[in-house]
């Protein structure tokens, strides 16, 4: 039984590690978020850092494949995928700023 738990844990951890985006993709999404946030909240850079990490982490968790996310959201404009991004933005915005995010446009 203990061996089975160890194997299951190893499989789950390996799956989670594979789901992470490449560092360049994560950085690119985070770097797109931070300047507008800083512009809108010039005296709250620390909050913007947390907010953008929240959004980027949420995107990475929901969309395990960055290239596929880009195709489906930016190029094909699939409504369900855009709605998923909106939910992530709303959740992070509510957590950090106390209100829903503005409507996302692609």
Protein backbone atom coordinates (compact mmCIF):
# COMPACT_ATOMS: atom_id res chain seq x y z
CA UNK A 1 0.00 0.00 0.00
CA UNK A 2 2.82 2.41 0.85
CA UNK A 3 4.52 1.69 -2.46
CA UNK A 4 1.30 2.43 -4.32
CA UNK A 5 1.00 5.80 -2.57
CA UNK A 6 4.58 6.69 -3.48
CA UNK A 7 4.03 5.74 -7.11
CA UNK A 8 0.79 7.72 -7.25
CA UNK A 9 2.48 10.76 -5.70
CA UNK A 10 5.35 10.54 -8.19
CA UNK A 11 2.91 10.34 -11.11
CA UNK A 12 0.92 13.32 -9.84
CA UNK A 13 4.05 15.41 -9.30
CA UNK A 14 5.42 14.50 -12.72
CA UNK A 15 2.11 15.48 -14.31
CA UNK A 16 2.11 18.84 -12.52
CA UNK A 17 5.67 19.54 -13.59
CA UNK A 18 4.82 18.78 -17.21
CA UNK A 19 1.85 21.16 -17.07
CA UNK A 20 4.02 24.20 -16.42
CA UNK A 21 4.68 26.60 -19.25
CA UNK A 22 8.15 27.36 -20.49
CA UNK A 23 9.71 30.18 -18.45
CA UNK A 24 9.71 32.46 -21.50
CA UNK A 25 5.94 32.00 -21.96
CA UNK A 26 5.21 32.61 -18.28
CA UNK A 27 7.45 35.71 -18.29
CA UNK A 28 5.87 37.02 -21.47
CA UNK A 29 2.34 36.84 -20.03
CA UNK A 30 3.45 38.34 -16.72
CA UNK A 31 5.37 41.10 -18.51
CA UNK A 32 2.27 42.01 -20.55
CA UNK A 33 0.25 42.35 -17.33
CA UNK A 34 2.55 44.45 -15.15
CA UNK A 35 2.98 47.74 -17.08
CA UNK A 36 -0.76 48.44 -17.54
CA UNK A 37 -1.40 47.53 -13.90
CA UNK A 38 1.37 49.87 -12.76
CA UNK A 39 -0.03 52.58 -15.04
CA UNK A 40 -3.53 52.19 -13.56
CA UNK A 41 -2.24 51.90 -9.97
CA UNK A 42 1.00 53.92 -9.87
CA UNK A 43 1.31 53.87 -6.09
CA UNK A 44 0.57 50.16 -5.65
CA UNK A 45 3.35 48.33 -7.51
CA UNK A 46 3.49 45.52 -4.91
CA UNK A 47 -0.21 44.84 -5.42
CA UNK A 48 0.34 44.78 -9.18
CA UNK A 49 3.13 42.24 -8.77
CA UNK A 50 0.77 39.99 -6.76
CA UNK A 51 -2.13 40.58 -9.14
CA UNK A 52 -0.11 39.72 -12.24
CA UNK A 53 1.29 36.61 -10.57
CA UNK A 54 -2.28 35.60 -9.69
CA UNK A 55 -3.47 36.06 -13.27
CA UNK A 56 -0.47 34.36 -14.84
CA UNK A 57 -0.60 31.46 -12.38
CA UNK A 58 -4.32 31.06 -13.07
CA UNK A 59 -3.74 31.06 -16.80
CA UNK A 60 -0.97 28.48 -16.50
CA UNK A 61 -3.17 26.26 -14.32
CA UNK A 62 -6.21 26.43 -16.60
CA UNK A 63 -4.37 26.40 -19.93
CA UNK A 64 -1.60 23.84 -19.61
CA UNK A 65 -0.44 24.47 -23.18
CA UNK A 66 0.52 28.12 -23.77
CA UNK A 67 0.63 27.86 -27.57
CA UNK A 68 -2.81 26.28 -27.65
CA UNK A 69 -4.17 29.02 -25.37
CA UNK A 70 -2.77 31.66 -27.72
CA UNK A 71 -4.34 29.98 -30.75
CA UNK A 72 -7.71 29.51 -29.10
CA UNK A 73 -7.98 32.92 -27.44
CA UNK A 74 -6.08 35.37 -29.60
CA UNK A 75 -6.33 33.82 -33.06
CA UNK A 76 -9.58 31.81 -33.04
CA UNK A 77 -11.34 33.84 -30.30
CA UNK A 78 -13.11 30.81 -28.81
CA UNK A 79 -15.76 32.17 -26.46
CA UNK A 80 -15.43 29.48 -23.79
CA UNK A 81 -11.68 30.03 -23.54
CA UNK A 82 -12.09 33.80 -23.35
CA UNK A 83 -14.75 33.29 -20.66
CA UNK A 84 -12.26 31.17 -18.71
CA UNK A 85 -9.69 33.96 -18.91
CA UNK A 86 -12.31 36.47 -17.79
CA UNK A 87 -13.09 34.32 -14.74
CA UNK A 88 -9.39 34.22 -13.85
CA UNK A 89 -9.07 37.98 -14.26
CA UNK A 90 -12.25 38.58 -12.24
CA UNK A 91 -11.10 36.33 -9.42
CA UNK A 92 -7.66 37.95 -9.17
CA UNK A 93 -9.09 41.44 -9.55
CA UNK A 94 -11.61 40.80 -6.79
CA UNK A 95 -8.90 39.42 -4.53
CA UNK A 96 -6.52 42.37 -5.07
CA UNK A 97 -8.73 45.34 -5.93
CA UNK A 98 -12.18 44.41 -4.60
CA UNK A 99 -14.09 44.36 -7.87
CA UNK A 100 -14.45 42.37 -11.08
CA UNK A 101 -11.99 43.02 -13.89
CA UNK A 102 -12.86 45.05 -16.95
CA UNK A 103 -14.15 43.02 -19.88
CA UNK A 104 -11.28 41.37 -21.72
CA UNK A 105 -10.91 42.18 -25.41
CA UNK A 106 -8.98 40.15 -27.97
